[in-house]
Structures are given as structure tokens and as C-alpha cells.
Amino acid sequence: MWRGLYTAATGMISEQKRTDVIANNIANAATTGYKRDLTVHKEFHELLIKRVNDFEEGGTVGLSVAPFNSLAELGTSREDVTQIKGFNADPFNRPNIGRLGLGDYIDEVAVDYQQGALESTGNTYDLAIVGDGFFAVQTPEGVRYTRNGAFFKNNAGFLQDIRGYNLLDTQGNPIRIPANVRDSQISIMGNGTVTAPGNATQLNEVTNRLEAVGNMAARQVLAQIQFVEFGNRLATQKQGDNLYYVVADNEGNDPQAQAVGQNVQARIMNPNAQPRPASGEILQGTLEKSNTAIVTEMVELIHNQRMYEANAKAVLSQDSMLDKSVNTVGAMG
């Protein structure tokens, strides 16, 4: 009875967590480059329920009784727990209790990397990723990765996201656009190469702005966007604000320098945590929308609510049976 109470309670906890995940997906349905989360449920280990001296094999009572072929040959046996006042249950359809489930829990909140819809904006610094890949931005916590390609040029000419984090090139440096070049003259290729007019760039000491110089009819490479992917999608985890960070080991922590004590397990380094050139493609003047479908999430939310209510009713039923066992049956003794 207690097990039933706890099993239903674990179901409620799991569905509550799943509700939070679905609500977060709905809240980010309009967030550029957002990837929806999925909850992965896992069942606790089952218990094999069995009564002592039940039939081990069809046609045999216990272990000390010879095999039989019919009910007439069976007779009676003290080891036959199905015998009640001389009546024996059919041994060929022996009672089967089976396995008892102990509920489930949320094993993982996984990210669905399915491609989001593309929206053409015409803005020079709006970038969408088609296929696998991340942009690298510099944050106060270090380099982070994002699929949100809504960048803009600040007053100093640096490309940044809406939080003011600089977009990085392959050398780990911020990308700066010359002040004397129109936005329409900036081209960003599918591999992240940024080109502009001129033969070279120089810093104007008076205005402290980068300027393109030389033959303005020619084209020069300003930088190449750090456009990367990872060998395993589990190598990155969500940090928040549409950012991802690299998981250093199987627990998301830096490896220990030395293991102390027998109970300290060696952490496994993630071999796919090293970024590599992305296999996807960058589209200029386009944004990738969230891959969250409102209708699908609402259906999942309704289904989740029904599951929660079913578990809640199971808890109430178990509580009612416990109440009768303690206050009614117990009082009769």
C-alpha cells in the first residue's frame, strides 16, 4: 500500500517537471534559434512479486512433488499455497502476480535539434544556420555557443548579439566592420567568411574607428566567423539566454587533478567536447525561428495534465485505503 502511494507520487513529480519543460518551450516559441526541450522518462527498477511455494513450473507443485498430468493426479499438498479448505486452483493456470512497477522519474532533459523554419529579413547581420553548427560569442563566463543569429553592429563597429556579447572569429577575436563601408557592401559567405570593399583596413586614430582603405572596387576578407559543431550533441548543454556551454566530462565539471579516497570515481573526459568546423551553412539576411510548435506543445500540456490528475487520484485512493486500514480494520482488532 505504501508502495502504491510512493509510485503515484513519483508520477506526479515527473509530470510536474514535464509541465515546466513544456511551459518553457511555449514561452520561447518566438525566440530566434531556440531548440525545444524534451523530457526523457525512466522507470525505476521493477520488483518481481512471487509467493513462496507457488508453482515453479507448469504441472508441478513446489519442488518436492512429482510431476502430474491432470487435476486427479494432483491431490492435495501442504506446499500448495492455493489450497483453501480442500480446494485447489488449476495448476495449469497457476496464479501469476508478475512484476510491480515503482514509478518513474525524469532521467534527462534532452534538446531537440530539429531545424527551425527560416525567415528572410534582408538585414545584413541577420544570420541563420542550416544544418549543424553554432556561433561562438564571448561572455563574461567565457566562450559560449548559440544558434541565435540576430546580430547587429554597435557604435564601435563590433558585431554583437542583443546581450552585447561579441561574435568571435576563428582566432577568438571580435569581428569589427569598417566604419566607412555601408552595411549593404558586407557579404557573409556560407562558411562564415566576411568580406568588404578595399585592400586593407586601418584604425583611424582620430575617430578610433576601423576603416577600409585601398582599391574600394576590390574585395577583402575581414574575418571568418567561428562557426563550429561538436562530435556529439551531448557535448553541449543549455546555460540559459539561448546559450550553450561545453560539457568537460560526464558530470559537466572539470576533471579532478587527483582522485582522493577509494570512493571517488574517475571522471570520463568527453572526447567530443572539442569544437570543429561546422558541416552546416550560414545564410545572410535570414533568421532561424524556434522549432517549437505551439499546437503540439499545447496538446502535450493537456495530456500531461491528465496524467498528473490520474496520479493524484491514485494518491487519494491509496490514502483512503490506508485510513480505513488504520482506523477501521485496526480498531476491530
Protein backbone atom coordinates (compact mmCIF):
# COMPACT_ATOMS: atom_id res chain seq x y z
CA MET A 1 0.00 0.00 0.00
CA TRP A 2 2.82 2.36 0.85
CA ARG A 3 4.49 1.40 -2.41
CA GLY A 4 1.41 2.41 -4.35
CA LEU A 5 1.40 5.79 -2.63
CA TYR A 6 5.03 6.45 -3.46
CA THR A 7 4.67 5.17 -7.03
CA ALA A 8 1.82 7.60 -7.75
CA ALA A 9 3.73 10.42 -6.04
CA THR A 10 6.79 9.89 -8.25
CA GLY A 11 4.49 10.06 -11.26
CA MET A 12 3.17 13.43 -10.07
CA ILE A 13 6.70 14.76 -9.58
CA SER A 14 7.70 13.64 -13.09
CA GLU A 15 4.65 15.19 -14.70
CA GLN A 16 5.20 18.45 -12.81
CA LYS A 17 8.76 18.63 -14.16
CA ARG A 18 7.49 17.84 -17.64
CA THR A 19 4.93 20.64 -17.33
CA ASP A 20 7.73 23.10 -16.54
CA VAL A 21 9.66 21.98 -19.63
CA ILE A 22 6.61 22.31 -21.89
CA ALA A 23 5.82 25.76 -20.45
CA ASN A 24 9.39 26.86 -21.18
CA ASN A 25 9.06 25.64 -24.77
CA ILE A 26 5.85 27.62 -25.23
CA ALA A 27 7.43 30.73 -23.69
CA ASN A 28 10.28 30.51 -26.24
CA ALA A 29 8.14 29.77 -29.29
CA ALA A 30 9.12 33.17 -30.72
CA THR A 31 12.78 33.09 -29.65
CA THR A 32 15.18 33.10 -32.59
CA GLY A 33 17.19 29.90 -32.88
CA TYR A 34 15.59 28.27 -29.82
CA LYS A 35 15.61 24.47 -29.67
CA ARG A 36 12.81 22.83 -27.73
CA ASP A 37 13.47 20.57 -24.76
CA LEU A 38 12.19 17.02 -24.35
CA THR A 39 11.87 15.11 -21.09
CA VAL A 40 13.20 11.55 -21.06
CA HIS A 41 11.35 9.38 -18.55
CA LYS A 42 12.97 6.36 -16.97
CA GLU A 43 11.27 3.69 -14.88
CA PHE A 44 12.59 2.66 -11.50
CA HIS A 45 13.69 -0.98 -11.30
CA GLU A 46 10.72 -3.33 -11.11
CA LEU A 47 10.17 -5.84 -8.33
CA LEU A 48 9.33 -9.44 -9.17
CA ILE A 49 6.40 -10.35 -6.89
CA LYS A 50 6.17 -14.05 -6.04
CA ARG A 51 4.59 -16.17 -3.30
CA VAL A 52 6.59 -18.84 -1.51
CA ASN A 53 5.78 -22.41 -2.65
CA ASP A 54 3.86 -21.25 -5.70
CA PHE A 55 4.18 -23.48 -8.74
CA GLU A 56 7.70 -23.27 -10.08
CA GLU A 57 6.87 -24.92 -13.40
CA GLY A 58 3.60 -25.82 -15.09
CA GLY A 59 2.35 -29.20 -13.79
CA THR A 60 4.47 -29.20 -10.62
CA VAL A 61 3.59 -28.17 -7.10
CA GLY A 62 6.61 -26.74 -5.33
CA LEU A 63 9.85 -28.66 -5.67
CA SER A 64 9.14 -31.83 -3.67
CA VAL A 65 6.07 -33.09 -5.51
CA ALA A 66 6.33 -35.33 -8.56
CA PRO A 67 5.00 -34.03 -11.87
CA PHE A 68 1.38 -34.65 -12.71
CA ASN A 69 -0.68 -34.57 -15.85
CA SER A 70 -4.17 -33.92 -14.54
CA LEU A 71 -6.02 -32.47 -11.57
CA ALA A 72 -6.96 -36.01 -10.44
CA GLU A 73 -3.30 -36.89 -10.05
CA LEU A 74 -2.62 -33.69 -8.12
CA GLY A 75 -4.36 -34.49 -4.86
CA THR A 76 -3.54 -32.08 -2.03
CA SER A 77 -0.29 -30.77 -0.66
CA ARG A 78 0.59 -28.53 2.25
CA GLU A 79 3.03 -26.81 -0.06
CA ASP A 80 0.25 -25.74 -2.38
CA VAL A 81 -0.48 -22.21 -1.17
CA THR A 82 -3.50 -22.02 -3.47
CA GLN A 83 -5.28 -24.75 -1.49
CA ILE A 84 -8.15 -23.38 0.57
CA LYS A 85 -10.28 -25.87 2.57
CA GLY A 86 -9.54 -28.70 0.20
CA PHE A 87 -9.98 -26.64 -2.95
CA ASN A 88 -7.03 -26.33 -5.32
CA ALA A 89 -6.65 -23.77 -8.06
CA ASP A 90 -5.95 -25.09 -11.52
CA PRO A 91 -2.17 -25.70 -11.54
CA PHE A 92 -2.09 -25.45 -15.33
CA ASN A 93 -3.23 -21.82 -14.99
CA ARG A 94 -1.15 -21.04 -11.96
CA PRO A 95 -1.65 -17.71 -10.20
CA ASN A 96 0.67 -15.07 -11.55
CA ILE A 97 1.34 -11.88 -9.63
CA GLY A 98 4.02 -10.66 -12.03
CA ARG A 99 6.13 -7.53 -11.68
CA LEU A 100 5.44 -4.45 -9.61
CA GLY A 101 6.44 -1.10 -11.05
CA LEU A 102 7.78 1.54 -8.68
CA GLY A 103 7.08 4.61 -10.76
CA ASP A 104 9.31 6.71 -12.98
CA TYR A 105 11.48 9.81 -12.90
CA ILE A 106 12.95 12.35 -15.30
CA ASP A 107 16.25 10.86 -16.39
CA GLU A 108 17.25 13.67 -18.75
CA VAL A 109 16.03 16.89 -20.33
CA ALA A 110 17.23 16.45 -23.91
CA VAL A 111 17.44 19.10 -26.62
CA ASP A 112 15.61 18.60 -29.91
CA TYR A 113 17.98 19.98 -32.58
CA GLN A 114 15.49 19.70 -35.40
CA GLN A 115 15.86 22.51 -37.93
CA GLY A 116 13.64 25.53 -37.32
CA ALA A 117 11.81 27.41 -40.07
CA LEU A 118 13.76 30.11 -41.92
CA GLU A 119 12.56 33.70 -42.10
CA SER A 120 14.02 36.18 -44.59
CA THR A 121 14.65 39.61 -43.04
CA GLY A 122 17.00 41.28 -45.52
CA ASN A 123 19.13 42.63 -42.64
CA THR A 124 22.85 42.34 -43.33
CA TYR A 125 23.79 40.93 -39.95
CA ASP A 126 20.88 38.52 -39.51
CA LEU A 127 22.39 35.05 -39.91
CA ALA A 128 20.65 31.68 -39.96
CA ILE A 129 22.26 28.26 -39.64
CA VAL A 130 21.03 25.49 -41.93
CA GLY A 131 22.14 22.12 -40.61
CA ASP A 132 24.53 21.55 -37.72
CA GLY A 133 26.55 24.34 -36.18
CA PHE A 134 26.82 27.09 -33.59
CA PHE A 135 28.03 30.68 -33.48
CA ALA A 136 30.66 31.44 -30.83
CA VAL A 137 30.21 34.54 -28.66
CA GLN A 138 32.31 35.97 -25.85
CA THR A 139 30.51 36.20 -22.49
CA PRO A 140 31.73 37.13 -19.00
CA GLU A 141 31.76 33.39 -18.19
CA GLY A 142 33.87 32.57 -21.26
CA VAL A 143 33.10 31.42 -24.81
CA ARG A 144 29.53 30.25 -25.30
CA TYR A 145 27.67 28.92 -28.32
CA THR A 146 24.33 29.90 -29.80
CA ARG A 147 22.02 29.32 -32.76
CA ASN A 148 20.59 32.83 -32.45
CA GLY A 149 21.99 34.73 -35.42
CA ALA A 150 20.30 38.09 -34.76
CA PHE A 151 23.48 40.21 -34.66
CA PHE A 152 23.96 43.95 -35.06
CA LYS A 153 26.85 46.40 -35.46
CA ASN A 154 27.47 48.57 -32.39
CA ASN A 155 28.85 52.13 -32.42
CA ALA A 156 32.45 50.88 -32.46
CA GLY A 157 31.73 48.56 -35.40
CA PHE A 158 31.79 45.26 -33.49
CA LEU A 159 29.22 42.58 -34.31
CA GLN A 160 27.24 41.69 -31.17
CA ASP A 161 24.08 39.89 -30.09
CA ILE A 162 21.22 41.51 -28.18
CA ARG A 163 23.03 40.96 -24.85
CA GLY A 164 26.11 42.80 -26.09
CA TYR A 165 28.26 39.68 -26.47
CA ASN A 166 30.82 39.92 -29.29
CA LEU A 167 30.62 37.50 -32.19
CA LEU A 168 34.01 35.74 -32.46
CA ASP A 169 36.14 34.79 -35.43
CA THR A 170 38.18 31.61 -35.82
CA GLN A 171 41.05 33.21 -33.89
CA GLY A 172 38.82 34.01 -30.93
CA ASN A 173 38.79 37.75 -31.67
CA PRO A 174 35.73 40.01 -32.03
CA ILE A 175 34.68 40.86 -35.58
CA ARG A 176 34.84 44.55 -36.47
CA ILE A 177 33.24 46.20 -39.52
CA PRO A 178 34.90 49.25 -41.14
CA ALA A 179 33.02 52.48 -40.40
CA ASN A 180 33.34 53.80 -43.97
CA VAL A 181 31.65 50.75 -45.51
CA ARG A 182 27.90 50.54 -45.98
CA ASP A 183 26.11 47.53 -44.49
CA SER A 184 24.86 46.57 -47.93
CA GLN A 185 28.50 46.16 -49.04
CA ILE A 186 29.21 43.49 -46.40
CA SER A 187 28.94 39.91 -47.60
CA ILE A 188 28.91 36.83 -45.36
CA MET A 189 29.51 33.51 -47.09
CA GLY A 190 28.08 30.11 -46.19
CA ASN A 191 31.25 29.11 -44.30
CA GLY A 192 31.26 32.35 -42.30
CA THR A 193 33.77 34.36 -44.35
CA VAL A 194 33.08 38.10 -44.00
CA THR A 195 34.17 40.28 -46.94
CA ALA A 196 34.13 44.04 -47.57
CA PRO A 197 35.43 46.54 -50.16
CA GLY A 198 39.08 47.56 -50.11
CA ASN A 199 42.53 46.03 -49.96
CA ALA A 200 43.25 46.56 -46.26
CA THR A 201 41.93 48.07 -43.03
CA GLN A 202 43.42 50.60 -40.64
CA LEU A 203 42.40 52.23 -37.38
CA ASN A 204 41.64 55.93 -37.61
CA GLU A 205 43.42 57.43 -34.60
CA VAL A 206 41.18 60.48 -34.60
CA THR A 207 37.81 58.70 -34.59
CA ASN A 208 39.10 55.39 -33.18
CA ARG A 209 37.15 53.62 -35.91
CA LEU A 210 38.28 50.88 -38.26
CA GLU A 211 38.32 51.98 -41.90
CA ALA A 212 38.74 50.17 -45.20
CA VAL A 213 41.49 51.57 -47.45
CA GLY A 214 42.97 50.91 -50.89
CA ASN A 215 41.08 49.94 -54.00
CA MET A 216 37.44 50.10 -52.93
CA ALA A 217 36.43 48.24 -56.08
CA ALA A 218 38.25 45.16 -54.79
CA ARG A 219 37.08 42.76 -52.08
CA GLN A 220 38.96 41.83 -48.91
CA VAL A 221 38.37 39.25 -46.20
CA LEU A 222 37.71 40.92 -42.86
CA ALA A 223 37.32 37.75 -40.79
CA GLN A 224 35.84 34.29 -40.72
CA ILE A 225 33.09 33.67 -38.20
CA GLN A 226 33.81 30.92 -35.67
CA PHE A 227 31.19 28.52 -36.95
CA VAL A 228 31.60 25.18 -35.17
CA GLU A 229 29.93 21.90 -34.27
CA PHE A 230 30.75 19.03 -31.91
CA GLY A 231 31.24 15.32 -32.45
CA ASN A 232 28.38 14.56 -30.09
CA ARG A 233 25.38 16.76 -29.43
CA LEU A 234 25.56 15.74 -25.77
CA ALA A 235 28.83 17.68 -25.61
CA THR A 236 26.86 20.90 -25.12
CA GLN A 237 24.23 21.80 -22.55
CA LYS A 238 21.89 24.74 -22.24
CA GLN A 239 23.01 27.56 -19.99
CA GLY A 240 20.07 29.91 -20.48
CA ASP A 241 19.57 33.03 -22.63
CA ASN A 242 19.74 30.76 -25.70
CA LEU A 243 23.39 29.94 -24.94
CA TYR A 244 25.16 26.58 -24.74
CA TYR A 245 28.31 25.62 -22.87
CA VAL A 246 30.68 22.72 -23.44
CA VAL A 247 30.47 19.78 -21.04
CA ALA A 248 34.00 18.93 -19.96
CA ASP A 249 33.18 15.47 -18.60
CA ASN A 250 30.29 13.12 -17.92
CA GLU A 251 29.09 15.26 -15.00
CA GLY A 252 29.52 18.66 -16.62
CA ASN A 253 32.54 19.52 -14.44
CA ASP A 254 36.24 19.99 -14.94
CA PRO A 255 38.20 16.78 -14.32
CA GLN A 256 39.83 16.32 -10.95
CA ALA A 257 43.60 16.73 -10.79
CA GLN A 258 43.88 13.79 -8.40
CA ALA A 259 41.33 11.33 -7.07
CA VAL A 260 41.37 11.10 -3.28
CA GLY A 261 39.91 8.09 -1.49
CA GLN A 262 38.57 4.79 -2.73
CA ASN A 263 35.02 6.06 -3.22
CA VAL A 264 35.97 8.77 -5.71
CA GLN A 265 35.19 7.57 -9.23
CA ALA A 266 37.38 8.72 -12.06
CA ARG A 267 35.51 11.11 -14.33
CA ILE A 268 35.34 10.35 -18.01
CA MET A 269 36.51 13.12 -20.30
CA ASN A 270 34.18 13.85 -23.18
CA PRO A 271 36.24 13.21 -26.33
CA ASN A 272 33.77 15.19 -28.46
CA ALA A 273 33.91 18.42 -26.44
CA GLN A 274 36.44 19.94 -28.82
CA PRO A 275 34.78 22.27 -31.38
CA ARG A 276 35.40 21.57 -35.06
CA PRO A 277 34.34 23.32 -38.29
CA ALA A 278 30.60 23.03 -38.77
CA SER A 279 29.06 20.98 -41.55
CA GLY A 280 26.10 23.33 -41.82
CA GLU A 281 25.75 26.55 -43.80
CA ILE A 282 25.19 30.20 -42.88
CA LEU A 283 22.52 32.21 -44.70
CA GLN A 284 22.84 36.01 -44.63
CA GLY A 285 19.76 38.16 -44.23
CA THR A 286 17.82 35.26 -42.71
CA LEU A 287 16.89 34.10 -39.21
CA GLU A 288 16.13 30.61 -37.94
CA LYS A 289 12.91 30.57 -35.97
CA SER A 290 12.22 28.39 -32.93
CA ASN A 291 11.44 24.74 -33.69
CA THR A 292 8.67 24.80 -31.09
CA ALA A 293 5.19 24.13 -32.48
CA ILE A 294 2.57 25.80 -30.27
CA VAL A 295 -0.22 23.36 -31.19
CA THR A 296 1.95 20.32 -30.45
CA GLU A 297 3.09 21.74 -27.11
CA MET A 298 -0.49 22.58 -26.08
CA VAL A 299 -1.62 19.02 -26.86
CA GLU A 300 1.30 17.68 -24.82
CA LEU A 301 0.39 20.04 -21.97
CA ILE A 302 -3.22 18.79 -21.90
CA HIS A 303 -2.06 15.17 -21.98
CA ASN A 304 0.43 15.89 -19.22
CA GLN A 305 -2.26 17.49 -17.05
CA ARG A 306 -4.46 14.41 -17.39
CA MET A 307 -1.58 12.16 -16.37
CA TYR A 308 -0.96 14.35 -13.33
CA GLU A 309 -4.62 14.19 -12.32
CA ALA A 310 -4.65 10.39 -12.70
CA ASN A 311 -1.66 10.08 -10.39
CA ALA A 312 -3.26 12.49 -7.93
CA LYS A 313 -6.40 10.33 -7.81
CA ALA A 314 -4.23 7.27 -7.23
CA VAL A 315 -2.62 9.02 -4.26
CA LEU A 316 -6.05 9.84 -2.82
CA SER A 317 -7.20 6.24 -3.27
CA GLN A 318 -4.11 4.90 -1.52
CA ASP A 319 -4.57 7.42 1.28
CA SER A 320 -8.20 6.37 1.70
CA MET A 321 -7.25 2.68 1.93
CA LEU A 322 -4.56 3.48 4.50
CA ASP A 323 -7.11 5.44 6.52
CA LYS A 324 -9.55 2.50 6.55
CA SER A 325 -6.78 0.04 7.39
CA VAL A 326 -5.62 2.03 10.38
CA ASN A 327 -8.89 3.40 11.75
CA THR A 328 -11.42 0.71 10.75
CA VAL A 329 -9.65 -2.63 10.41
CA GLY A 330 -7.17 -1.77 13.15
CA ALA A 331 -9.95 -0.82 15.57
CA MET A 332 -11.69 -4.16 15.04
CA GLY A 333 -8.62 -5.98 16.38
